[in-house]
Amino acid sequence: MRLSLFLLGCALASGSLQAADADLAVKATAVLNANCRRCHGRDGTAEGGMNFILDPAKLVARKKIIPGQPDQSPLFKRLSTGKMPPPGEQPRPSPTDVAVVRQWIEAGAPSATPAAQRPLLTDAAVFNLIFADLEGQEQRGRRFLRYFSLAPLANAGLSTDELQTYRNALAKLVNSLSWHPRITIPKAVDPDGLILRIDLRDYQWDANLWNRLLAEYPYGVLNDAAVARTVVVGTATRVPCVRADWFLANASRAPLYYDLLQIPSNLSELERQLHVDVAVDVQQERVMRAGFLGSGISRKQPPH
């Protein structure tokens, strides 16, 4: 009997501690959300590379927080000394807010809610989503459609804010690689926004440029499933979907950057592409001169 009462008391005490930790975590999350997330996560922004400000597990894993040691935690030190948010930013954490974050870290930085387990998005599921999207598109235009996948990143456990950072980066890069005068944002084809569609014509790309991309793509394994074959036929390309993270890492630098942007190999061709005639502009005095007080290039000239 005494043992049973003891175990019951332990269970009740444990439940009370868990409830207290959860309440403290909710309060600390509210402080971070109000004062930090606008620069570290909201709408995918990632100043300082910390677009996971509301993810305690990642804050701990990346040593932004040391559980039980607030004074050794970089995040708390910046918060408590007024360095975060930066001077001039409003709103700012009150002394009570700072005390809440301290107590939360001292308690081990528990999470306000259990981490949601996002179901894995398989390759078959990706093709099913693309197939469903193609079914809703005009048939003659399907050969111009291409897709980017965030599924590998979501499967790896990236948070909602981190995934939004990738969406923003993808939108910026594809438009930076375009000569089209109109900005076009890739469109999500699924509720979670893990598969994004573009139309090659919106960026003045064509099938040859997409094939140039595929020539460097290391994940282009052909899928022989019926749905995948249907998607391949509909889009008229052997690989209609590429990993967004790979694209961002490789299309943002040479040689793909120059090839996709179709940069000419010499200056005269570039001038023609930009509709610039330097000789005529000089003759008609439509030029400006500029000088520099200091030059990083001249300072690095080898000694004569």
C-alpha atoms as a PDB file:
ATOM      1  CA  MET A   1       0.000   0.000   0.000  1.00  0.00           C
ATOM      2  CA  ARG A   2       2.754   2.427   0.969  1.00  0.00           C
ATOM      3  CA  LEU A   3       4.596   1.670  -2.286  1.00  0.00           C
ATOM      4  CA  SER A   4       1.454   2.330  -4.303  1.00  0.00           C
ATOM      5  CA  LEU A   5       0.909   5.654  -2.543  1.00  0.00           C
ATOM      6  CA  PHE A   6       4.547   6.567  -3.106  1.00  0.00           C
ATOM      7  CA  LEU A   7       4.332   5.782  -6.825  1.00  0.00           C
ATOM      8  CA  LEU A   8       1.079   7.725  -7.091  1.00  0.00           C
ATOM      9  CA  GLY A   9       2.688  10.705  -5.389  1.00  0.00           C
ATOM     10  CA  CYS A  10       5.652  10.537  -7.758  1.00  0.00           C
ATOM     11  CA  ALA A  11       3.326  10.418 -10.767  1.00  0.00           C
ATOM     12  CA  LEU A  12       1.358  13.415  -9.528  1.00  0.00           C
ATOM     13  CA  ALA A  13       4.556  15.363  -8.828  1.00  0.00           C
ATOM     14  CA  SER A  14       5.918  14.495 -12.270  1.00  0.00           C
ATOM     15  CA  GLY A  15       2.696  15.629 -13.895  1.00  0.00           C
ATOM     16  CA  SER A  16       2.801  18.894 -12.001  1.00  0.00           C
ATOM     17  CA  LEU A  17       6.393  19.522 -13.085  1.00  0.00           C
ATOM     18  CA  GLN A  18       5.543  18.769 -16.694  1.00  0.00           C
ATOM     19  CA  ALA A  19       2.592  21.162 -16.567  1.00  0.00           C
ATOM     20  CA  ALA A  20       4.793  23.870 -15.034  1.00  0.00           C
ATOM     21  CA  ASP A  21       7.475  23.350 -17.691  1.00  0.00           C
ATOM     22  CA  ALA A  22       4.872  23.513 -20.446  1.00  0.00           C
ATOM     23  CA  ASP A  23       3.456  26.760 -19.047  1.00  0.00           C
ATOM     24  CA  LEU A  24       6.955  28.257 -18.780  1.00  0.00           C
ATOM     25  CA  ALA A  25       7.755  27.138 -22.339  1.00  0.00           C
ATOM     26  CA  VAL A  26       4.593  28.822 -23.649  1.00  0.00           C
ATOM     27  CA  LYS A  27       5.562  32.087 -21.947  1.00  0.00           C
ATOM     28  CA  ALA A  28       9.161  31.932 -23.227  1.00  0.00           C
ATOM     29  CA  THR A  29       7.976  31.141 -26.750  1.00  0.00           C
ATOM     30  CA  ALA A  30       5.686  34.169 -26.621  1.00  0.00           C
ATOM     31  CA  VAL A  31       8.635  36.374 -25.643  1.00  0.00           C
ATOM     32  CA  LEU A  32      10.791  35.064 -28.505  1.00  0.00           C
ATOM     33  CA  ASN A  33       7.923  35.339 -30.951  1.00  0.00           C
ATOM     34  CA  ALA A  34       7.189  38.951 -30.022  1.00  0.00           C
ATOM     35  CA  ASN A  35      10.769  40.190 -29.857  1.00  0.00           C
ATOM     36  CA  CYS A  36      12.962  37.966 -32.025  1.00  0.00           C
ATOM     37  CA  ARG A  37      11.015  36.187 -34.726  1.00  0.00           C
ATOM     38  CA  ARG A  38      10.477  39.246 -36.904  1.00  0.00           C
ATOM     39  CA  CYS A  39      14.204  39.080 -37.728  1.00  0.00           C
ATOM     40  CA  HIS A  40      14.789  35.367 -37.203  1.00  0.00           C
ATOM     41  CA  GLY A  41      12.096  33.397 -38.927  1.00  0.00           C
ATOM     42  CA  ARG A  42       8.954  35.315 -39.795  1.00  0.00           C
ATOM     43  CA  ASP A  43       8.039  34.921 -43.473  1.00  0.00           C
ATOM     44  CA  GLY A  44      11.235  32.990 -44.018  1.00  0.00           C
ATOM     45  CA  THR A  45      13.708  35.717 -43.099  1.00  0.00           C
ATOM     46  CA  ALA A  46      16.916  34.398 -41.629  1.00  0.00           C
ATOM     47  CA  GLU A  47      19.133  37.218 -40.422  1.00  0.00           C
ATOM     48  CA  GLY A  48      22.073  35.732 -38.607  1.00  0.00           C
ATOM     49  CA  GLY A  49      21.223  32.296 -39.954  1.00  0.00           C
ATOM     50  CA  MET A  50      18.727  31.718 -37.132  1.00  0.00           C
ATOM     51  CA  ASN A  51      15.377  31.116 -38.773  1.00  0.00           C
ATOM     52  CA  PHE A  52      14.547  28.552 -36.103  1.00  0.00           C
ATOM     53  CA  ILE A  53      14.047  30.895 -33.159  1.00  0.00           C
ATOM     54  CA  LEU A  54      10.894  29.075 -32.007  1.00  0.00           C
ATOM     55  CA  ASP A  55      12.442  25.601 -32.228  1.00  0.00           C
ATOM     56  CA  PRO A  56      14.017  24.772 -28.822  1.00  0.00           C
ATOM     57  CA  ALA A  57      15.570  21.535 -30.075  1.00  0.00           C
ATOM     58  CA  LYS A  58      17.474  23.352 -32.825  1.00  0.00           C
ATOM     59  CA  LEU A  59      18.420  26.227 -30.548  1.00  0.00           C
ATOM     60  CA  VAL A  60      20.011  23.656 -28.246  1.00  0.00           C
ATOM     61  CA  ALA A  61      21.542  21.556 -31.036  1.00  0.00           C
ATOM     62  CA  ARG A  62      23.187  24.623 -32.570  1.00  0.00           C
ATOM     63  CA  LYS A  63      24.372  25.836 -29.173  1.00  0.00           C
ATOM     64  CA  LYS A  64      22.359  29.036 -29.168  1.00  0.00           C
ATOM     65  CA  ILE A  65      20.985  27.842 -25.821  1.00  0.00           C
ATOM     66  CA  ILE A  66      22.799  25.778 -23.181  1.00  0.00           C
ATOM     67  CA  PRO A  67      20.066  24.019 -21.134  1.00  0.00           C
ATOM     68  CA  GLY A  68      20.322  24.891 -17.461  1.00  0.00           C
ATOM     69  CA  GLN A  69      22.936  27.604 -18.111  1.00  0.00           C
ATOM     70  CA  PRO A  70      21.329  30.870 -19.239  1.00  0.00           C
ATOM     71  CA  ASP A  71      24.467  32.930 -18.588  1.00  0.00           C
ATOM     72  CA  GLN A  72      26.412  30.650 -20.938  1.00  0.00           C
ATOM     73  CA  SER A  73      23.723  30.715 -23.633  1.00  0.00           C
ATOM     74  CA  PRO A  74      24.549  33.082 -26.528  1.00  0.00           C
ATOM     75  CA  LEU A  75      20.876  33.831 -27.186  1.00  0.00           C
ATOM     76  CA  PHE A  76      20.189  34.802 -23.574  1.00  0.00           C
ATOM     77  CA  LYS A  77      23.363  36.867 -23.283  1.00  0.00           C
ATOM     78  CA  ARG A  78      22.332  38.957 -26.291  1.00  0.00           C
ATOM     79  CA  LEU A  79      18.774  39.246 -24.994  1.00  0.00           C
ATOM     80  CA  SER A  80      19.730  40.204 -21.449  1.00  0.00           C
ATOM     81  CA  THR A  81      22.343  42.783 -22.500  1.00  0.00           C
ATOM     82  CA  GLY A  82      19.974  44.537 -24.914  1.00  0.00           C
ATOM     83  CA  LYS A  83      21.886  43.536 -28.048  1.00  0.00           C
ATOM     84  CA  MET A  84      18.874  41.578 -29.284  1.00  0.00           C
ATOM     85  CA  PRO A  85      16.681  42.975 -30.673  1.00  0.00           C
ATOM     86  CA  PRO A  86      19.121  45.529 -32.161  1.00  0.00           C
ATOM     87  CA  PRO A  87      18.965  49.074 -30.799  1.00  0.00           C
ATOM     88  CA  GLY A  88      16.002  50.974 -32.203  1.00  0.00           C
ATOM     89  CA  GLU A  89      13.927  47.862 -32.852  1.00  0.00           C
ATOM     90  CA  GLN A  90      10.486  47.803 -31.271  1.00  0.00           C
ATOM     91  CA  PRO A  91       8.973  46.155 -29.341  1.00  0.00           C
ATOM     92  CA  ARG A  92      11.684  45.269 -26.857  1.00  0.00           C
ATOM     93  CA  PRO A  93      11.648  42.636 -24.108  1.00  0.00           C
ATOM     94  CA  SER A  94      10.806  43.874 -20.638  1.00  0.00           C
ATOM     95  CA  PRO A  95      12.769  42.796 -17.521  1.00  0.00           C
ATOM     96  CA  THR A  96       9.931  40.351 -16.849  1.00  0.00           C
ATOM     97  CA  ASP A  97      10.316  38.895 -20.338  1.00  0.00           C
ATOM     98  CA  VAL A  98      14.055  38.425 -19.815  1.00  0.00           C
ATOM     99  CA  ALA A  99      13.376  36.736 -16.450  1.00  0.00           C
ATOM    100  CA  VAL A 100      10.941  34.324 -18.119  1.00  0.00           C
ATOM    101  CA  VAL A 101      13.533  33.301 -20.713  1.00  0.00           C
ATOM    102  CA  ARG A 102      16.120  32.814 -17.945  1.00  0.00           C
ATOM    103  CA  GLN A 103      13.760  30.555 -15.975  1.00  0.00           C
ATOM    104  CA  TRP A 104      12.927  28.627 -19.132  1.00  0.00           C
ATOM    105  CA  ILE A 105      16.595  27.921 -19.906  1.00  0.00           C
ATOM    106  CA  GLU A 106      17.259  27.018 -16.258  1.00  0.00           C
ATOM    107  CA  ALA A 107      14.409  24.489 -16.558  1.00  0.00           C
ATOM    108  CA  GLY A 108      16.176  22.864 -19.517  1.00  0.00           C
ATOM    109  CA  ALA A 109      14.498  24.847 -22.346  1.00  0.00           C
ATOM    110  CA  PRO A 110      11.507  22.516 -22.659  1.00  0.00           C
ATOM    111  CA  SER A 111       9.296  22.714 -25.734  1.00  0.00           C
ATOM    112  CA  ALA A 112       5.866  24.303 -25.471  1.00  0.00           C
ATOM    113  CA  THR A 113       4.351  21.512 -27.548  1.00  0.00           C
ATOM    114  CA  PRO A 114       5.607  18.078 -28.572  1.00  0.00           C
ATOM    115  CA  ALA A 115       7.394  18.183 -31.918  1.00  0.00           C
ATOM    116  CA  ALA A 116       4.919  17.288 -34.627  1.00  0.00           C
ATOM    117  CA  GLN A 117       6.005  14.330 -36.703  1.00  0.00           C
ATOM    118  CA  ARG A 118       5.538  15.353 -40.321  1.00  0.00           C
ATOM    119  CA  PRO A 119       4.793  12.315 -42.497  1.00  0.00           C
ATOM    120  CA  LEU A 120       7.541  11.498 -44.982  1.00  0.00           C
ATOM    121  CA  LEU A 121       6.848  12.565 -48.544  1.00  0.00           C
ATOM    122  CA  THR A 122       8.069   9.743 -50.790  1.00  0.00           C
ATOM    123  CA  ASP A 123       9.086  10.040 -54.437  1.00  0.00           C
ATOM    124  CA  ALA A 124       5.847   8.295 -55.374  1.00  0.00           C
ATOM    125  CA  ALA A 125       3.863  10.875 -53.406  1.00  0.00           C
ATOM    126  CA  VAL A 126       5.766  13.698 -55.126  1.00  0.00           C
ATOM    127  CA  PHE A 127       4.844  12.359 -58.559  1.00  0.00           C
ATOM    128  CA  ASN A 128       1.242  11.917 -57.465  1.00  0.00           C
ATOM    129  CA  LEU A 129       1.113  15.593 -56.482  1.00  0.00           C
ATOM    130  CA  ILE A 130       2.680  16.655 -59.783  1.00  0.00           C
ATOM    131  CA  PHE A 131       0.289  14.424 -61.730  1.00  0.00           C
ATOM    132  CA  ALA A 132      -2.697  15.952 -59.941  1.00  0.00           C
ATOM    133  CA  ASP A 133      -1.394  19.431 -60.709  1.00  0.00           C
ATOM    134  CA  LEU A 134      -0.840  18.633 -64.387  1.00  0.00           C
ATOM    135  CA  GLU A 135      -4.402  17.384 -64.657  1.00  0.00           C
ATOM    136  CA  GLY A 136      -5.584  20.887 -63.826  1.00  0.00           C
ATOM    137  CA  GLN A 137      -3.362  22.599 -66.412  1.00  0.00           C
ATOM    138  CA  GLU A 138      -4.078  23.331 -70.058  1.00  0.00           C
ATOM    139  CA  GLN A 139      -2.758  20.362 -72.031  1.00  0.00           C
ATOM    140  CA  ARG A 140      -0.797  22.311 -74.642  1.00  0.00           C
ATOM    141  CA  GLY A 141       1.081  24.202 -71.945  1.00  0.00           C
ATOM    142  CA  ARG A 142       2.137  21.203 -69.855  1.00  0.00           C
ATOM    143  CA  ARG A 143       5.415  20.769 -71.757  1.00  0.00           C
ATOM    144  CA  PHE A 144       6.551  24.121 -70.353  1.00  0.00           C
ATOM    145  CA  LEU A 145       5.930  23.182 -66.721  1.00  0.00           C
ATOM    146  CA  ARG A 146       8.720  22.197 -64.328  1.00  0.00           C
ATOM    147  CA  TYR A 147       8.789  21.516 -60.598  1.00  0.00           C
ATOM    148  CA  PHE A 148      11.044  22.013 -57.573  1.00  0.00           C
ATOM    149  CA  SER A 149      10.795  19.810 -54.507  1.00  0.00           C
ATOM    150  CA  LEU A 150      11.311  20.716 -50.855  1.00  0.00           C
ATOM    151  CA  ALA A 151      10.357  17.182 -49.806  1.00  0.00           C
ATOM    152  CA  PRO A 152      13.926  16.073 -48.904  1.00  0.00           C
ATOM    153  CA  LEU A 153      14.281  19.095 -46.611  1.00  0.00           C
ATOM    154  CA  ALA A 154      10.895  18.513 -44.994  1.00  0.00           C
ATOM    155  CA  ASN A 155      11.725  14.832 -44.540  1.00  0.00           C
ATOM    156  CA  ALA A 156      14.972  15.884 -42.842  1.00  0.00           C
ATOM    157  CA  GLY A 157      12.955  17.806 -40.232  1.00  0.00           C
ATOM    158  CA  LEU A 158      13.292  21.434 -41.295  1.00  0.00           C
ATOM    159  CA  SER A 159      10.782  23.710 -39.611  1.00  0.00           C
ATOM    160  CA  THR A 160       8.050  25.741 -41.287  1.00  0.00           C
ATOM    161  CA  ASP A 161      10.158  28.912 -41.053  1.00  0.00           C
ATOM    162  CA  GLU A 162      13.202  27.193 -42.522  1.00  0.00           C
ATOM    163  CA  LEU A 163      11.197  25.801 -45.427  1.00  0.00           C
ATOM    164  CA  GLN A 164       9.814  29.277 -46.128  1.00  0.00           C
ATOM    165  CA  THR A 165      13.374  30.577 -46.328  1.00  0.00           C
ATOM    166  CA  TYR A 166      14.017  28.089 -49.132  1.00  0.00           C
ATOM    167  CA  ARG A 167      10.831  29.150 -50.941  1.00  0.00           C
ATOM    168  CA  ASN A 168      11.904  32.782 -50.763  1.00  0.00           C
ATOM    169  CA  ALA A 169      15.393  31.926 -51.987  1.00  0.00           C
ATOM    170  CA  LEU A 170      14.014  29.873 -54.877  1.00  0.00           C
ATOM    171  CA  ALA A 171      11.726  32.711 -55.955  1.00  0.00           C
ATOM    172  CA  LYS A 172      14.623  35.168 -55.855  1.00  0.00           C
ATOM    173  CA  LEU A 173      17.037  32.948 -57.760  1.00  0.00           C
ATOM    174  CA  VAL A 174      14.748  31.891 -60.629  1.00  0.00           C
ATOM    175  CA  ASN A 175      13.825  35.530 -61.200  1.00  0.00           C
ATOM    176  CA  SER A 176      17.488  36.539 -60.988  1.00  0.00           C
ATOM    177  CA  LEU A 177      18.170  34.016 -63.757  1.00  0.00           C
ATOM    178  CA  SER A 178      15.442  35.495 -65.959  1.00  0.00           C
ATOM    179  CA  TRP A 179      15.442  38.254 -68.578  1.00  0.00           C
ATOM    180  CA  HIS A 180      11.670  38.499 -68.392  1.00  0.00           C
ATOM    181  CA  PRO A 181      10.476  41.969 -67.319  1.00  0.00           C
ATOM    182  CA  ARG A 182       7.860  40.473 -65.000  1.00  0.00           C
ATOM    183  CA  ILE A 183       8.585  38.883 -61.622  1.00  0.00           C
ATOM    184  CA  THR A 184       6.886  35.490 -61.258  1.00  0.00           C
ATOM    185  CA  ILE A 185       6.805  33.559 -57.981  1.00  0.00           C
ATOM    186  CA  PRO A 186       6.849  29.728 -58.155  1.00  0.00           C
ATOM    187  CA  LYS A 187       3.446  28.317 -57.255  1.00  0.00           C
ATOM    188  CA  ALA A 188       2.863  25.675 -54.591  1.00  0.00           C
ATOM    189  CA  VAL A 189       0.879  22.690 -55.850  1.00  0.00           C
ATOM    190  CA  ASP A 190       0.196  21.064 -52.467  1.00  0.00           C
ATOM    191  CA  PRO A 191      -1.212  22.398 -49.162  1.00  0.00           C
ATOM    192  CA  ASP A 192       2.188  22.175 -47.422  1.00  0.00           C
ATOM    193  CA  GLY A 193       3.997  24.032 -50.199  1.00  0.00           C
ATOM    194  CA  LEU A 194       6.601  21.308 -50.664  1.00  0.00           C
ATOM    195  CA  ILE A 195       6.256  21.065 -54.449  1.00  0.00           C
ATOM    196  CA  LEU A 196       6.598  24.302 -56.425  1.00  0.00           C
ATOM    197  CA  ARG A 197       5.710  24.776 -60.090  1.00  0.00           C
ATOM    198  CA  ILE A 198       7.213  27.128 -62.648  1.00  0.00           C
ATOM    199  CA  ASP A 199       6.417  27.789 -66.299  1.00  0.00           C
ATOM    200  CA  LEU A 200       9.609  28.051 -68.358  1.00  0.00           C
ATOM    201  CA  ARG A 201       8.052  30.819 -70.450  1.00  0.00           C
ATOM    202  CA  ASP A 202       7.718  33.055 -67.386  1.00  0.00           C
ATOM    203  CA  TYR A 203      11.522  33.231 -67.181  1.00  0.00           C
ATOM    204  CA  GLN A 204      12.321  33.133 -70.899  1.00  0.00           C
ATOM    205  CA  TRP A 205      13.766  29.670 -70.457  1.00  0.00           C
ATOM    206  CA  ASP A 206      13.281  26.761 -72.832  1.00  0.00           C
ATOM    207  CA  ALA A 207      13.738  22.992 -72.840  1.00  0.00           C
ATOM    208  CA  ASN A 208      17.403  23.352 -73.819  1.00  0.00           C
ATOM    209  CA  LEU A 209      18.167  25.398 -70.719  1.00  0.00           C
ATOM    210  CA  TRP A 210      16.343  22.882 -68.522  1.00  0.00           C
ATOM    211  CA  ASN A 211      18.385  20.097 -70.123  1.00  0.00           C
ATOM    212  CA  ARG A 212      21.540  22.088 -69.371  1.00  0.00           C
ATOM    213  CA  LEU A 213      20.450  22.062 -65.735  1.00  0.00           C
ATOM    214  CA  LEU A 214      19.795  18.326 -65.836  1.00  0.00           C
ATOM    215  CA  ALA A 215      23.273  17.704 -67.235  1.00  0.00           C
ATOM    216  CA  GLU A 216      24.626  18.693 -63.793  1.00  0.00           C
ATOM    217  CA  TYR A 217      21.835  17.170 -61.699  1.00  0.00           C
ATOM    218  CA  PRO A 218      23.073  14.141 -59.710  1.00  0.00           C
ATOM    219  CA  TYR A 219      19.651  12.944 -58.500  1.00  0.00           C
ATOM    220  CA  GLY A 220      18.005  12.408 -61.888  1.00  0.00           C
ATOM    221  CA  VAL A 221      17.143   8.744 -61.411  1.00  0.00           C
ATOM    222  CA  LEU A 222      14.402   7.707 -63.810  1.00  0.00           C
ATOM    223  CA  ASN A 223      11.227   6.480 -62.132  1.00  0.00           C
ATOM    224  CA  ASP A 224       9.451   3.665 -63.957  1.00  0.00           C
ATOM    225  CA  ALA A 225       6.143   3.887 -62.078  1.00  0.00           C
ATOM    226  CA  ALA A 226       3.048   4.481 -64.214  1.00  0.00           C
ATOM    227  CA  VAL A 227       2.277   7.882 -62.685  1.00  0.00           C
ATOM    228  CA  ALA A 228       5.895   9.022 -63.083  1.00  0.00           C
ATOM    229  CA  ARG A 229       5.923   7.950 -66.745  1.00  0.00           C
ATOM    230  CA  THR A 230       2.717   9.891 -67.332  1.00  0.00           C
ATOM    231  CA  VAL A 231       4.263  13.007 -65.772  1.00  0.00           C
ATOM    232  CA  VAL A 232       7.405  12.619 -67.887  1.00  0.00           C
ATOM    233  CA  VAL A 233       5.337  12.352 -71.065  1.00  0.00           C
ATOM    234  CA  GLY A 234       3.112  15.274 -70.088  1.00  0.00           C
ATOM    235  CA  THR A 235       6.013  17.624 -69.361  1.00  0.00           C
ATOM    236  CA  ALA A 236       8.148  16.314 -72.238  1.00  0.00           C
ATOM    237  CA  THR A 237      11.262  16.001 -70.085  1.00  0.00           C
ATOM    238  CA  ARG A 238      12.941  13.002 -68.510  1.00  0.00           C
ATOM    239  CA  VAL A 239      13.286  14.781 -65.129  1.00  0.00           C
ATOM    240  CA  PRO A 240      10.433  17.242 -64.549  1.00  0.00           C
ATOM    241  CA  CYS A 241      11.230  17.861 -60.873  1.00  0.00           C
ATOM    242  CA  VAL A 242      14.541  18.717 -59.189  1.00  0.00           C
ATOM    243  CA  ARG A 243      15.512  19.297 -55.587  1.00  0.00           C
ATOM    244  CA  ALA A 244      15.155  22.949 -54.664  1.00  0.00           C
ATOM    245  CA  ASP A 245      18.146  22.856 -52.314  1.00  0.00           C
ATOM    246  CA  TRP A 246      20.409  21.464 -55.039  1.00  0.00           C
ATOM    247  CA  PHE A 247      19.207  24.103 -57.488  1.00  0.00           C
ATOM    248  CA  LEU A 248      19.887  26.913 -55.007  1.00  0.00           C
ATOM    249  CA  ALA A 249      23.380  25.628 -54.245  1.00  0.00           C
ATOM    250  CA  ASN A 250      24.416  25.153 -57.880  1.00  0.00           C
ATOM    251  CA  ALA A 251      22.437  27.511 -60.124  1.00  0.00           C
ATOM    252  CA  SER A 252      23.574  30.496 -58.048  1.00  0.00           C
ATOM    253  CA  ARG A 253      27.195  30.112 -59.172  1.00  0.00           C
ATOM    254  CA  ALA A 254      29.243  29.350 -62.248  1.00  0.00           C
ATOM    255  CA  PRO A 255      28.950  27.637 -64.602  1.00  0.00           C
ATOM    256  CA  LEU A 256      25.184  27.081 -64.323  1.00  0.00           C
ATOM    257  CA  TYR A 257      24.489  30.673 -63.314  1.00  0.00           C
ATOM    258  CA  TYR A 258      26.002  32.066 -66.516  1.00  0.00           C
ATOM    259  CA  ASP A 259      24.520  29.354 -68.714  1.00  0.00           C
ATOM    260  CA  LEU A 260      20.963  29.707 -67.386  1.00  0.00           C
ATOM    261  CA  LEU A 261      21.206  33.505 -67.561  1.00  0.00           C
ATOM    262  CA  GLN A 262      22.533  33.102 -71.112  1.00  0.00           C
ATOM    263  CA  ILE A 263      25.451  35.465 -70.592  1.00  0.00           C
ATOM    264  CA  PRO A 264      27.368  35.904 -73.890  1.00  0.00           C
ATOM    265  CA  SER A 265      31.021  34.947 -74.100  1.00  0.00           C
ATOM    266  CA  ASN A 266      32.309  38.397 -75.131  1.00  0.00           C
ATOM    267  CA  LEU A 267      31.610  42.054 -74.372  1.00  0.00           C
ATOM    268  CA  SER A 268      30.230  43.029 -77.774  1.00  0.00           C
ATOM    269  CA  GLU A 269      27.605  40.295 -77.649  1.00  0.00           C
ATOM    270  CA  LEU A 270      26.651  41.338 -74.120  1.00  0.00           C
ATOM    271  CA  GLU A 271      26.260  44.943 -75.292  1.00  0.00           C
ATOM    272  CA  ARG A 272      23.937  43.800 -78.065  1.00  0.00           C
ATOM    273  CA  GLN A 273      21.933  41.718 -75.628  1.00  0.00           C
ATOM    274  CA  LEU A 274      21.560  44.744 -73.339  1.00  0.00           C
ATOM    275  CA  HIS A 275      20.795  47.039 -76.300  1.00  0.00           C
ATOM    276  CA  VAL A 276      23.847  49.147 -75.504  1.00  0.00           C
ATOM    277  CA  ASP A 277      26.098  50.730 -78.177  1.00  0.00           C
ATOM    278  CA  VAL A 278      29.130  52.049 -76.331  1.00  0.00           C
ATOM    279  CA  ALA A 279      30.735  53.663 -79.389  1.00  0.00           C
ATOM    280  CA  VAL A 280      27.592  55.634 -80.258  1.00  0.00           C
ATOM    281  CA  ASP A 281      27.038  56.623 -76.611  1.00  0.00           C
ATOM    282  CA  VAL A 282      30.593  57.998 -76.406  1.00  0.00           C
ATOM    283  CA  GLN A 283      30.221  59.833 -79.726  1.00  0.00           C
ATOM    284  CA  GLN A 284      26.981  61.445 -78.585  1.00  0.00           C
ATOM    285  CA  GLU A 285      28.347  62.159 -75.110  1.00  0.00           C
ATOM    286  CA  ARG A 286      25.789  59.979 -73.343  1.00  0.00           C
ATOM    287  CA  VAL A 287      28.426  58.791 -70.897  1.00  0.00           C
ATOM    288  CA  MET A 288      29.636  59.669 -67.424  1.00  0.00           C
ATOM    289  CA  ARG A 289      33.085  59.432 -65.918  1.00  0.00           C
ATOM    290  CA  ALA A 290      33.814  58.228 -62.411  1.00  0.00           C
ATOM    291  CA  GLY A 291      36.912  58.106 -60.266  1.00  0.00           C
ATOM    292  CA  PHE A 292      37.927  56.296 -57.104  1.00  0.00           C
ATOM    293  CA  LEU A 293      40.028  57.554 -54.211  1.00  0.00           C
ATOM    294  CA  GLY A 294      41.038  54.034 -53.327  1.00  0.00           C
ATOM    295  CA  SER A 295      41.139  50.802 -55.278  1.00  0.00           C
ATOM    296  CA  GLY A 296      41.375  47.318 -53.889  1.00  0.00           C
ATOM    297  CA  ILE A 297      42.671  46.177 -57.259  1.00  0.00           C
ATOM    298  CA  SER A 298      45.516  48.734 -57.497  1.00  0.00           C
ATOM    299  CA  ARG A 299      46.571  48.040 -53.921  1.00  0.00           C
ATOM    300  CA  LYS A 300      47.143  44.406 -54.844  1.00  0.00           C
ATOM    301  CA  GLN A 301      49.275  45.104 -57.886  1.00  0.00           C
ATOM    302  CA  PRO A 302      52.586  43.197 -57.715  1.00  0.00           C
ATOM    303  CA  PRO A 303      55.709  45.341 -57.154  1.00  0.00           C
ATOM    304  CA  HIS A 304      57.569  46.458 -60.294  1.00  0.00           C
END
